[in-house]
Amino acid sequence: MSTTVQLQRRLQGPPPQDRAALERRAKLLAWSGNAWHVVEFAIAVGAGIAAGSVALVGFGIDSVIESLAGGVIVWLFSGSRGSSHTAERRAQQLIAASYALLVLYIAVEATRDLLGSHHPEASWIGVGLAAFTAPTMPLLARAKRNVGRKLNSSATVSEASQNMICAYLSIALLLGLLANALLGWWWADPISALAIAAIAAKEGVDSWRGDSCDCC
């Protein structure tokens, strides 16, 4: 089969019967991810408030944003919107706007903590959460990305990239929490929070521009 024919088939997407099954799988993965994000949000925000950790609270807010993205995918593949380019662009822009709120919150709180020398307490619950999330989110992201590519859906691929960002955030969070708990480096928590904000800002800009699709 020639490269031109393969490219044409990829652009056309799967046949209707296969597309229906893939859309169901995309929605199932989105619902599964959202179920975990609800748990993740509750643990992160609860532990973050208890320890005075802006990084943990920011991580919990990111879970809300990921749930929003998952809900967008469910909406996209409900009814006849699955092949609508306009719907996908709208979804990406909504996600980008939610990222802006996350970045603003973290930047203000982390800067205030650094200037005020606020010392967050150690949070072993937060350490456990980050240690669990870091290796599991890439698995979910890979499954979503595979479905998105088969559907030729930029929104689905973009949503998968959020799960990969969650893994990166988990690593940054884990390093900050451990440095604070084991070494007493109180400033590691707000610095990790600012790293989270920087990653979220980049993804938000990419989503607004529509640069996050690697479907083809």
Protein backbone atom coordinates (compact mmCIF):
# COMPACT_ATOMS: atom_id res chain seq x y z
CA MET A 1 0.00 0.00 0.00
CA SER A 2 1.44 3.41 -0.97
CA THR A 3 2.20 6.15 1.53
CA THR A 4 -0.38 8.42 -0.14
CA VAL A 5 -3.18 5.87 0.33
CA GLN A 6 -2.21 5.31 3.97
CA LEU A 7 -2.26 9.06 4.60
CA GLN A 8 -5.67 9.42 2.96
CA ARG A 9 -7.11 6.63 5.10
CA ARG A 10 -5.65 8.19 8.21
CA LEU A 11 -7.17 11.57 7.41
CA GLN A 12 -10.56 9.98 6.67
CA GLY A 13 -10.55 8.17 9.99
CA PRO A 14 -11.86 4.68 10.77
CA PRO A 15 -15.01 3.21 9.19
CA PRO A 16 -18.30 4.01 11.01
CA GLN A 17 -18.53 0.70 12.92
CA ASP A 18 -14.95 0.97 14.15
CA ARG A 19 -15.36 4.64 14.99
CA ALA A 20 -18.35 3.93 17.21
CA ALA A 21 -16.35 1.40 19.22
CA LEU A 22 -13.38 3.76 19.50
CA GLU A 23 -15.60 6.62 20.66
CA ARG A 24 -17.06 4.37 23.37
CA ARG A 25 -13.52 3.48 24.46
CA ALA A 26 -12.53 7.16 24.52
CA LYS A 27 -15.48 7.97 26.78
CA LEU A 28 -14.75 4.99 29.06
CA LEU A 29 -11.13 6.08 29.47
CA ALA A 30 -12.27 9.64 30.18
CA TRP A 31 -14.74 8.48 32.83
CA SER A 32 -12.12 6.21 34.41
CA GLY A 33 -9.62 9.03 34.58
CA ASN A 34 -12.18 11.40 36.07
CA ALA A 35 -13.07 8.90 38.80
CA TRP A 36 -9.44 8.86 39.91
CA HIS A 37 -9.12 12.66 39.63
CA VAL A 38 -11.98 13.10 42.11
CA VAL A 39 -10.08 10.96 44.63
CA GLU A 40 -6.82 12.71 43.76
CA PHE A 41 -8.40 16.14 44.30
CA ALA A 42 -9.80 15.22 47.72
CA ILE A 43 -6.50 13.77 48.98
CA ALA A 44 -4.28 16.53 47.56
CA VAL A 45 -6.37 19.47 48.75
CA GLY A 46 -7.04 17.92 52.17
CA ALA A 47 -3.38 17.10 52.74
CA GLY A 48 -2.27 20.42 51.26
CA ILE A 49 -4.48 22.48 53.57
CA ALA A 50 -3.40 20.43 56.59
CA ALA A 51 0.30 20.88 55.79
CA GLY A 52 0.06 24.42 54.42
CA SER A 53 1.48 23.19 51.09
CA VAL A 54 0.67 25.35 48.09
CA ALA A 55 2.20 22.70 45.81
CA LEU A 56 -0.21 20.03 47.05
CA VAL A 57 -3.23 22.33 46.75
CA GLY A 58 -2.13 23.32 43.25
CA PHE A 59 -1.82 19.65 42.35
CA GLY A 60 -5.38 19.11 43.55
CA ILE A 61 -6.65 22.01 41.45
CA ASP A 62 -4.89 20.49 38.45
CA SER A 63 -7.00 17.36 39.07
CA VAL A 64 -10.12 19.50 38.61
CA ILE A 65 -8.75 20.80 35.32
CA GLU A 66 -8.03 17.26 34.15
CA SER A 67 -11.58 16.27 35.08
CA LEU A 68 -12.86 19.18 33.01
CA ALA A 69 -10.81 17.95 30.06
CA GLY A 70 -12.17 14.44 30.50
CA GLY A 71 -15.70 15.83 30.60
CA VAL A 72 -15.04 17.68 27.35
CA ILE A 73 -14.09 14.38 25.70
CA VAL A 74 -17.29 12.76 26.94
CA TRP A 75 -19.24 15.72 25.54
CA LEU A 76 -17.33 15.60 22.26
CA PHE A 77 -18.21 11.97 21.59
CA SER A 78 -21.84 12.26 22.68
CA GLY A 79 -24.29 12.91 19.88
CA SER A 80 -22.80 13.76 16.49
CA ARG A 81 -19.95 16.04 17.54
CA GLY A 82 -17.16 13.46 17.25
CA SER A 83 -15.95 14.59 13.82
CA SER A 84 -16.50 18.33 14.34
CA HIS A 85 -13.31 20.37 14.07
CA THR A 86 -15.10 23.37 15.57
CA ALA A 87 -16.06 21.35 18.67
CA GLU A 88 -12.49 20.15 19.12
CA ARG A 89 -11.06 23.68 18.90
CA ARG A 90 -13.63 24.95 21.36
CA ALA A 91 -12.68 22.16 23.75
CA GLN A 92 -8.98 23.00 23.50
CA GLN A 93 -9.64 26.69 24.18
CA LEU A 94 -11.79 25.93 27.23
CA ILE A 95 -9.01 23.79 28.63
CA ALA A 96 -6.49 26.56 27.95
CA ALA A 97 -8.63 29.06 29.89
CA SER A 98 -8.81 26.74 32.88
CA TYR A 99 -5.02 26.41 32.84
CA ALA A 100 -4.73 30.20 33.10
CA LEU A 101 -6.67 30.12 36.38
CA LEU A 102 -4.40 27.41 37.76
CA VAL A 103 -1.24 29.33 36.83
CA LEU A 104 -2.56 32.54 38.40
CA TYR A 105 -3.44 30.83 41.67
CA ILE A 106 -0.12 29.02 42.03
CA ALA A 107 1.98 32.05 41.04
CA VAL A 108 0.32 34.27 43.66
CA GLU A 109 0.37 31.73 46.49
CA ALA A 110 3.90 30.43 45.85
CA THR A 111 5.35 33.93 45.59
CA ARG A 112 3.63 34.94 48.80
CA ASP A 113 5.05 31.90 50.58
CA LEU A 114 8.58 32.60 49.34
CA LEU A 115 8.48 36.27 50.33
CA GLY A 116 6.89 35.50 53.68
CA SER A 117 9.17 32.51 54.42
CA HIS A 118 6.15 30.32 55.10
CA HIS A 119 7.26 26.85 56.24
CA PRO A 120 4.87 24.07 55.16
CA GLU A 121 4.76 20.95 57.32
CA ALA A 122 5.84 17.55 56.04
CA SER A 123 3.05 15.63 54.28
CA TRP A 124 3.65 11.91 53.93
CA ILE A 125 0.13 11.52 52.55
CA GLY A 126 1.14 13.89 49.76
CA VAL A 127 4.34 11.91 49.19
CA GLY A 128 2.34 8.70 48.83
CA LEU A 129 -0.12 10.33 46.43
CA ALA A 130 2.65 11.69 44.20
CA ALA A 131 4.55 8.40 44.26
CA PHE A 132 1.44 6.52 43.10
CA THR A 133 0.40 9.01 40.42
CA ALA A 134 3.81 9.42 38.75
CA PRO A 135 4.02 5.88 37.27
CA THR A 136 0.29 5.31 36.62
CA MET A 137 -0.68 8.44 34.69
CA PRO A 138 1.58 7.63 31.69
CA LEU A 139 -0.31 4.34 31.24
CA LEU A 140 -3.64 6.15 31.03
CA ALA A 141 -2.14 8.79 28.74
CA ARG A 142 -0.80 6.15 26.35
CA ALA A 143 -4.19 4.43 26.09
CA LYS A 144 -5.98 7.73 25.42
CA ARG A 145 -3.39 8.84 22.87
CA ASN A 146 -3.71 5.58 20.93
CA VAL A 147 -7.49 5.99 20.72
CA GLY A 148 -7.14 9.65 19.76
CA ARG A 149 -4.79 8.85 16.91
CA LYS A 150 -7.08 6.14 15.57
CA LEU A 151 -10.00 8.57 15.71
CA ASN A 152 -7.89 11.36 14.19
CA SER A 153 -9.06 13.45 17.16
CA SER A 154 -6.81 16.32 18.23
CA ALA A 155 -8.92 16.96 21.34
CA THR A 156 -8.48 13.38 22.54
CA VAL A 157 -4.72 13.55 22.01
CA SER A 158 -4.63 16.89 23.85
CA GLU A 159 -6.53 15.40 26.76
CA ALA A 160 -4.06 12.51 26.88
CA SER A 161 -1.20 14.99 27.12
CA GLN A 162 -2.79 16.40 30.28
CA ASN A 163 -2.36 13.01 31.93
CA MET A 164 1.33 13.04 30.98
CA ILE A 165 1.61 16.51 32.50
CA CYS A 166 0.02 15.09 35.65
CA ALA A 167 2.89 12.59 35.79
CA TYR A 168 5.46 15.38 35.43
CA LEU A 169 3.70 17.39 38.11
CA SER A 170 3.75 14.35 40.38
CA ILE A 171 7.52 14.08 40.05
CA ALA A 172 8.03 17.78 40.80
CA LEU A 173 5.65 17.52 43.74
CA LEU A 174 7.35 14.39 45.09
CA LEU A 175 10.79 16.01 45.00
CA GLY A 176 9.54 19.14 46.74
CA LEU A 177 7.68 17.27 49.48
CA LEU A 178 10.60 14.93 50.18
CA ALA A 179 13.08 17.82 50.31
CA ASN A 180 10.88 19.57 52.84
CA ALA A 181 10.21 16.45 54.93
CA LEU A 182 13.74 14.98 54.98
CA LEU A 183 16.01 18.00 54.62
CA GLY A 184 13.90 20.81 56.02
CA TRP A 185 14.11 22.75 52.76
CA TRP A 186 10.86 24.67 53.23
CA TRP A 187 11.43 26.67 50.05
CA ALA A 188 11.34 23.47 47.97
CA ASP A 189 7.53 23.41 48.24
CA PRO A 190 6.81 26.83 46.66
CA ILE A 191 9.62 26.31 44.14
CA SER A 192 8.01 23.02 43.09
CA ALA A 193 4.68 24.85 42.87
CA LEU A 194 6.21 27.39 40.49
CA ALA A 195 7.60 24.56 38.36
CA ILE A 196 4.07 23.14 38.19
CA ALA A 197 2.78 26.56 37.12
CA ALA A 198 5.41 26.83 34.37
CA ILE A 199 4.48 23.41 32.93
CA ALA A 200 0.77 24.24 33.12
CA ALA A 201 1.33 27.61 31.42
CA LYS A 202 3.12 26.01 28.48
CA GLU A 203 0.38 23.42 28.02
CA GLY A 204 -2.28 26.13 28.23
CA VAL A 205 -0.61 28.18 25.49
CA ASP A 206 -0.20 25.09 23.29
CA SER A 207 -3.85 24.17 23.79
CA TRP A 208 -5.02 27.69 22.92
CA ARG A 209 -2.94 27.68 19.75
CA GLY A 210 -4.00 24.16 18.85
CA ASP A 211 -0.38 22.97 18.82
CA SER A 212 -0.87 19.81 20.88
CA CYS A 213 -2.22 17.46 18.23
CA ASP A 214 0.04 14.67 17.01
CA CYS A 215 -2.72 12.55 15.52
CA CYS A 216 -1.13 11.92 12.17
